[in-house]
């Protein structure tokens, strides 16, 4: 397990290749953004560099793309959970804590898979707690998305497009946890 201290010198701080904030990782949007463009040119971010130092090389551009678009900055922290050998030929799971502009932090779990048809496959889950009930959150923040029903009893599913699902899970009497799940092509 590799712990990351995501501290970038000012000269290495990356601007996202498209508009993104730390809150965009978990914060709802009327139309969820997807990662369909290639990673921007420039210096790799700290997460990408940490992966390369641990032997994860073939997914470098995908890691840089996803981590940058999720708004990971020097205020974020994370850890790679890499296998002891053949790191560039196995799944590369990443756990991140990303401060949001709404206060608090989002938990993001991303997994990168080398040697896929698209070079490197990726998916992530962005998890955030909201101090409002799920019905209110769905109406106010996800009103443009189609409701798909429930996973079983309590967790609502919203359709964000072919590769995105939003899950809303009640938390206590008045809160809600949103989970944005995206498959990155």
C-alpha atoms as a PDB file:
ATOM      1  CA  UNK A   1       0.000   0.000   0.000  1.00  0.00           C
ATOM      2  CA  UNK A   2       1.419   3.368  -1.043  1.00  0.00           C
ATOM      3  CA  UNK A   3       0.329   6.494   0.825  1.00  0.00           C
ATOM      4  CA  UNK A   4       0.369   9.736  -1.114  1.00  0.00           C
ATOM      5  CA  UNK A   5       0.982  13.203   0.147  1.00  0.00           C
ATOM      6  CA  UNK A   6      -0.282  15.151  -2.836  1.00  0.00           C
ATOM      7  CA  UNK A   7       1.842  18.209  -2.431  1.00  0.00           C
ATOM      8  CA  UNK A   8       2.820  19.859  -5.672  1.00  0.00           C
ATOM      9  CA  UNK A   9       5.346  22.622  -6.056  1.00  0.00           C
ATOM     10  CA  UNK A  10       3.606  25.693  -7.557  1.00  0.00           C
ATOM     11  CA  UNK A  11       5.371  25.175 -10.896  1.00  0.00           C
ATOM     12  CA  UNK A  12       3.866  21.654 -11.169  1.00  0.00           C
ATOM     13  CA  UNK A  13       0.308  22.529 -10.181  1.00  0.00           C
ATOM     14  CA  UNK A  14      -1.964  21.426 -13.010  1.00  0.00           C
ATOM     15  CA  UNK A  15      -4.900  23.295 -14.435  1.00  0.00           C
ATOM     16  CA  UNK A  16      -7.640  20.821 -15.375  1.00  0.00           C
ATOM     17  CA  UNK A  17      -7.957  20.152 -19.095  1.00  0.00           C
ATOM     18  CA  UNK A  18     -11.611  21.108 -18.753  1.00  0.00           C
ATOM     19  CA  UNK A  19     -13.431  23.126 -16.108  1.00  0.00           C
ATOM     20  CA  UNK A  20     -13.564  21.153 -12.876  1.00  0.00           C
ATOM     21  CA  UNK A  21     -13.616  21.843  -9.188  1.00  0.00           C
ATOM     22  CA  UNK A  22     -13.040  19.548  -6.287  1.00  0.00           C
ATOM     23  CA  UNK A  23     -16.777  19.613  -5.714  1.00  0.00           C
ATOM     24  CA  UNK A  24     -17.458  18.329  -9.235  1.00  0.00           C
ATOM     25  CA  UNK A  25     -16.145  14.943  -8.180  1.00  0.00           C
ATOM     26  CA  UNK A  26     -19.193  14.235  -6.061  1.00  0.00           C
ATOM     27  CA  UNK A  27     -21.385  17.294  -6.324  1.00  0.00           C
ATOM     28  CA  UNK A  28     -24.459  16.784  -8.454  1.00  0.00           C
ATOM     29  CA  UNK A  29     -24.777  18.450 -11.807  1.00  0.00           C
ATOM     30  CA  UNK A  30     -27.801  18.741 -14.057  1.00  0.00           C
ATOM     31  CA  UNK A  31     -25.877  16.842 -16.733  1.00  0.00           C
ATOM     32  CA  UNK A  32     -22.989  14.780 -15.344  1.00  0.00           C
ATOM     33  CA  UNK A  33     -19.689  15.389 -17.087  1.00  0.00           C
ATOM     34  CA  UNK A  34     -17.852  12.494 -18.662  1.00  0.00           C
ATOM     35  CA  UNK A  35     -14.210  11.868 -19.464  1.00  0.00           C
ATOM     36  CA  UNK A  36     -14.269  11.427 -23.209  1.00  0.00           C
ATOM     37  CA  UNK A  37     -11.361  13.648 -24.173  1.00  0.00           C
ATOM     38  CA  UNK A  38      -7.705  12.801 -23.889  1.00  0.00           C
ATOM     39  CA  UNK A  39      -5.615  14.093 -21.039  1.00  0.00           C
ATOM     40  CA  UNK A  40      -4.123  17.508 -21.569  1.00  0.00           C
ATOM     41  CA  UNK A  41      -0.485  17.958 -22.368  1.00  0.00           C
ATOM     42  CA  UNK A  42       1.882  19.094 -19.667  1.00  0.00           C
ATOM     43  CA  UNK A  43       3.500  17.853 -16.541  1.00  0.00           C
ATOM     44  CA  UNK A  44       1.878  14.764 -14.987  1.00  0.00           C
ATOM     45  CA  UNK A  45       0.035  15.414 -11.734  1.00  0.00           C
ATOM     46  CA  UNK A  46       1.320  14.071  -8.404  1.00  0.00           C
ATOM     47  CA  UNK A  47      -0.965  11.015  -8.464  1.00  0.00           C
ATOM     48  CA  UNK A  48       0.279  10.029 -11.932  1.00  0.00           C
ATOM     49  CA  UNK A  49       3.889  10.475 -10.830  1.00  0.00           C
ATOM     50  CA  UNK A  50       3.303   8.338  -7.716  1.00  0.00           C
ATOM     51  CA  UNK A  51       1.778   5.567  -9.864  1.00  0.00           C
ATOM     52  CA  UNK A  52       4.735   5.645 -12.267  1.00  0.00           C
ATOM     53  CA  UNK A  53       7.197   5.461  -9.353  1.00  0.00           C
ATOM     54  CA  UNK A  54       5.399   2.289  -8.225  1.00  0.00           C
ATOM     55  CA  UNK A  55       5.589   0.695 -11.697  1.00  0.00           C
ATOM     56  CA  UNK A  56       2.164   1.627 -13.134  1.00  0.00           C
ATOM     57  CA  UNK A  57       3.231   3.053 -16.492  1.00  0.00           C
ATOM     58  CA  UNK A  58       0.791   1.971 -19.218  1.00  0.00           C
ATOM     59  CA  UNK A  59      -2.126   3.819 -17.587  1.00  0.00           C
ATOM     60  CA  UNK A  60      -0.274   7.105 -17.043  1.00  0.00           C
ATOM     61  CA  UNK A  61      -2.287   9.205 -19.485  1.00  0.00           C
ATOM     62  CA  UNK A  62      -5.624   7.774 -18.248  1.00  0.00           C
ATOM     63  CA  UNK A  63      -4.651   8.334 -14.603  1.00  0.00           C
ATOM     64  CA  UNK A  64      -3.630  11.912 -15.387  1.00  0.00           C
ATOM     65  CA  UNK A  65      -6.881  12.501 -17.298  1.00  0.00           C
ATOM     66  CA  UNK A  66      -9.221  11.137 -14.621  1.00  0.00           C
ATOM     67  CA  UNK A  67      -7.430  12.565 -11.586  1.00  0.00           C
ATOM     68  CA  UNK A  68      -7.165  16.012 -13.173  1.00  0.00           C
ATOM     69  CA  UNK A  69     -10.839  16.033 -14.228  1.00  0.00           C
ATOM     70  CA  UNK A  70     -11.912  15.011 -10.718  1.00  0.00           C
ATOM     71  CA  UNK A  71     -10.312  18.158  -9.338  1.00  0.00           C
ATOM     72  CA  UNK A  72      -7.564  16.530  -7.301  1.00  0.00           C
ATOM     73  CA  UNK A  73      -5.221  19.248  -6.014  1.00  0.00           C
ATOM     74  CA  UNK A  74      -2.392  19.643  -3.546  1.00  0.00           C
ATOM     75  CA  UNK A  75      -5.098  19.773  -0.815  1.00  0.00           C
ATOM     76  CA  UNK A  76      -6.131  16.188  -1.613  1.00  0.00           C
ATOM     77  CA  UNK A  77      -4.715  12.984  -0.195  1.00  0.00           C
ATOM     78  CA  UNK A  78      -4.764   9.414  -1.326  1.00  0.00           C
ATOM     79  CA  UNK A  79      -3.281   5.963  -1.458  1.00  0.00           C
ATOM     80  CA  UNK A  80      -2.548   3.405  -4.156  1.00  0.00           C
ATOM     81  CA  UNK A  81      -3.398  -0.218  -3.270  1.00  0.00           C
ATOM     82  CA  UNK A  82      -1.052  -1.954  -5.679  1.00  0.00           C
ATOM     83  CA  UNK A  83      -0.126  -5.624  -5.973  1.00  0.00           C
ATOM     84  CA  UNK A  84       3.406  -6.528  -4.828  1.00  0.00           C
ATOM     85  CA  UNK A  85       4.504  -7.564  -8.350  1.00  0.00           C
ATOM     86  CA  UNK A  86       3.571  -6.861 -11.989  1.00  0.00           C
ATOM     87  CA  UNK A  87       1.942  -3.544 -11.094  1.00  0.00           C
ATOM     88  CA  UNK A  88       1.694  -2.544 -14.756  1.00  0.00           C
ATOM     89  CA  UNK A  89      -0.229  -5.698 -15.676  1.00  0.00           C
ATOM     90  CA  UNK A  90      -2.883  -5.741 -12.934  1.00  0.00           C
ATOM     91  CA  UNK A  91      -5.655  -3.548 -11.619  1.00  0.00           C
ATOM     92  CA  UNK A  92      -4.407  -0.349  -9.987  1.00  0.00           C
ATOM     93  CA  UNK A  93      -6.906   0.801  -7.321  1.00  0.00           C
ATOM     94  CA  UNK A  94      -6.678   4.340  -5.948  1.00  0.00           C
ATOM     95  CA  UNK A  95      -8.462   5.890  -2.935  1.00  0.00           C
ATOM     96  CA  UNK A  96      -8.647   9.689  -2.642  1.00  0.00           C
ATOM     97  CA  UNK A  97      -9.953  12.309  -0.248  1.00  0.00           C
ATOM     98  CA  UNK A  98     -10.780  15.486  -2.165  1.00  0.00           C
ATOM     99  CA  UNK A  99     -11.916  18.641  -0.340  1.00  0.00           C
ATOM    100  CA  UNK A 100     -15.001  20.177  -1.941  1.00  0.00           C
ATOM    101  CA  UNK A 101     -16.096  23.748  -2.420  1.00  0.00           C
ATOM    102  CA  UNK A 102     -19.242  22.873  -0.440  1.00  0.00           C
ATOM    103  CA  UNK A 103     -17.225  22.041   2.675  1.00  0.00           C
ATOM    104  CA  UNK A 104     -16.172  18.606   3.796  1.00  0.00           C
ATOM    105  CA  UNK A 105     -14.559  16.088   1.502  1.00  0.00           C
ATOM    106  CA  UNK A 106     -15.535  13.642  -1.194  1.00  0.00           C
ATOM    107  CA  UNK A 107     -14.228  10.085  -1.098  1.00  0.00           C
ATOM    108  CA  UNK A 108     -13.219   8.875  -4.550  1.00  0.00           C
ATOM    109  CA  UNK A 109     -12.321   5.308  -5.401  1.00  0.00           C
ATOM    110  CA  UNK A 110     -10.847   4.887  -8.891  1.00  0.00           C
ATOM    111  CA  UNK A 111      -9.576   1.726 -10.553  1.00  0.00           C
ATOM    112  CA  UNK A 112      -7.333   1.618 -13.610  1.00  0.00           C
ATOM    113  CA  UNK A 113      -6.995  -1.495 -15.772  1.00  0.00           C
ATOM    114  CA  UNK A 114      -4.020  -1.729 -18.166  1.00  0.00           C
ATOM    115  CA  UNK A 115      -4.008  -3.713 -21.409  1.00  0.00           C
ATOM    116  CA  UNK A 116      -7.639  -3.067 -22.325  1.00  0.00           C
ATOM    117  CA  UNK A 117      -9.110  -2.490 -25.804  1.00  0.00           C
ATOM    118  CA  UNK A 118      -8.890   1.277 -25.153  1.00  0.00           C
ATOM    119  CA  UNK A 119      -5.352   1.039 -23.743  1.00  0.00           C
ATOM    120  CA  UNK A 120      -6.284   1.591 -20.117  1.00  0.00           C
ATOM    121  CA  UNK A 121      -9.779   1.210 -18.761  1.00  0.00           C
ATOM    122  CA  UNK A 122     -10.932   3.131 -15.719  1.00  0.00           C
ATOM    123  CA  UNK A 123     -13.911   3.567 -13.464  1.00  0.00           C
ATOM    124  CA  UNK A 124     -14.529   5.595 -10.344  1.00  0.00           C
ATOM    125  CA  UNK A 125     -17.020   6.143  -7.547  1.00  0.00           C
ATOM    126  CA  UNK A 126     -17.280   9.626  -6.028  1.00  0.00           C
ATOM    127  CA  UNK A 127     -19.030   9.615  -2.644  1.00  0.00           C
ATOM    128  CA  UNK A 128     -20.347  12.705  -0.848  1.00  0.00           C
ATOM    129  CA  UNK A 129     -22.617  13.332   2.164  1.00  0.00           C
ATOM    130  CA  UNK A 130     -25.412  15.911   1.820  1.00  0.00           C
ATOM    131  CA  UNK A 131     -27.253  17.395   4.838  1.00  0.00           C
ATOM    132  CA  UNK A 132     -30.655  17.004   3.112  1.00  0.00           C
ATOM    133  CA  UNK A 133     -32.906  14.063   2.318  1.00  0.00           C
ATOM    134  CA  UNK A 134     -32.463  12.143  -0.925  1.00  0.00           C
ATOM    135  CA  UNK A 135     -35.807  13.178  -2.462  1.00  0.00           C
ATOM    136  CA  UNK A 136     -34.926  16.858  -1.982  1.00  0.00           C
ATOM    137  CA  UNK A 137     -31.411  16.286  -3.348  1.00  0.00           C
ATOM    138  CA  UNK A 138     -32.770  14.459  -6.409  1.00  0.00           C
ATOM    139  CA  UNK A 139     -35.209  17.286  -7.210  1.00  0.00           C
ATOM    140  CA  UNK A 140     -32.843  20.200  -6.542  1.00  0.00           C
ATOM    141  CA  UNK A 141     -29.591  18.876  -7.942  1.00  0.00           C
ATOM    142  CA  UNK A 142     -30.415  15.991 -10.251  1.00  0.00           C
ATOM    143  CA  UNK A 143     -33.777  17.118 -11.629  1.00  0.00           C
ATOM    144  CA  UNK A 144     -32.612  16.658 -15.234  1.00  0.00           C
ATOM    145  CA  UNK A 145     -31.822  12.963 -14.737  1.00  0.00           C
ATOM    146  CA  UNK A 146     -34.212  10.061 -15.260  1.00  0.00           C
ATOM    147  CA  UNK A 147     -35.014   7.973 -12.176  1.00  0.00           C
ATOM    148  CA  UNK A 148     -34.329   4.292 -12.849  1.00  0.00           C
ATOM    149  CA  UNK A 149     -35.885   2.980  -9.644  1.00  0.00           C
ATOM    150  CA  UNK A 150     -34.255   1.392  -6.603  1.00  0.00           C
ATOM    151  CA  UNK A 151     -31.432  -1.099  -6.278  1.00  0.00           C
ATOM    152  CA  UNK A 152     -33.582  -2.973  -3.744  1.00  0.00           C
ATOM    153  CA  UNK A 153     -35.328  -1.007  -0.974  1.00  0.00           C
ATOM    154  CA  UNK A 154     -33.569   2.245  -0.113  1.00  0.00           C
ATOM    155  CA  UNK A 155     -31.006   3.275  -2.719  1.00  0.00           C
ATOM    156  CA  UNK A 156     -32.373   5.270  -5.668  1.00  0.00           C
ATOM    157  CA  UNK A 157     -30.709   5.043  -9.087  1.00  0.00           C
ATOM    158  CA  UNK A 158     -30.538   7.941 -11.544  1.00  0.00           C
ATOM    159  CA  UNK A 159     -29.495   7.674 -15.193  1.00  0.00           C
ATOM    160  CA  UNK A 160     -26.624  10.006 -16.101  1.00  0.00           C
ATOM    161  CA  UNK A 161     -26.077   8.516 -19.564  1.00  0.00           C
ATOM    162  CA  UNK A 162     -24.633   5.339 -21.036  1.00  0.00           C
ATOM    163  CA  UNK A 163     -21.676   5.211 -18.647  1.00  0.00           C
ATOM    164  CA  UNK A 164     -22.864   7.129 -15.544  1.00  0.00           C
ATOM    165  CA  UNK A 165     -25.176   6.210 -12.693  1.00  0.00           C
ATOM    166  CA  UNK A 166     -25.942   8.284  -9.622  1.00  0.00           C
ATOM    167  CA  UNK A 167     -26.987   6.397  -6.496  1.00  0.00           C
ATOM    168  CA  UNK A 168     -28.724   8.223  -3.634  1.00  0.00           C
ATOM    169  CA  UNK A 169     -28.615   6.471  -0.264  1.00  0.00           C
ATOM    170  CA  UNK A 170     -30.418   7.795   2.832  1.00  0.00           C
ATOM    171  CA  UNK A 171     -28.074   8.643   5.719  1.00  0.00           C
ATOM    172  CA  UNK A 172     -29.763   8.968   9.079  1.00  0.00           C
ATOM    173  CA  UNK A 173     -33.062  10.838   9.351  1.00  0.00           C
ATOM    174  CA  UNK A 174     -32.198  13.882   7.255  1.00  0.00           C
ATOM    175  CA  UNK A 175     -29.056  13.207   5.206  1.00  0.00           C
ATOM    176  CA  UNK A 176     -28.217  11.593   1.897  1.00  0.00           C
ATOM    177  CA  UNK A 177     -25.077  10.053   0.428  1.00  0.00           C
ATOM    178  CA  UNK A 178     -24.622  10.489  -3.318  1.00  0.00           C
ATOM    179  CA  UNK A 179     -22.440   8.053  -5.224  1.00  0.00           C
ATOM    180  CA  UNK A 180     -21.488   8.940  -8.769  1.00  0.00           C
ATOM    181  CA  UNK A 181     -20.295   5.842 -10.658  1.00  0.00           C
ATOM    182  CA  UNK A 182     -18.658   6.330 -14.036  1.00  0.00           C
ATOM    183  CA  UNK A 183     -17.005   4.018 -16.512  1.00  0.00           C
ATOM    184  CA  UNK A 184     -14.343   5.998 -18.392  1.00  0.00           C
ATOM    185  CA  UNK A 185     -13.944   5.206 -22.082  1.00  0.00           C
END
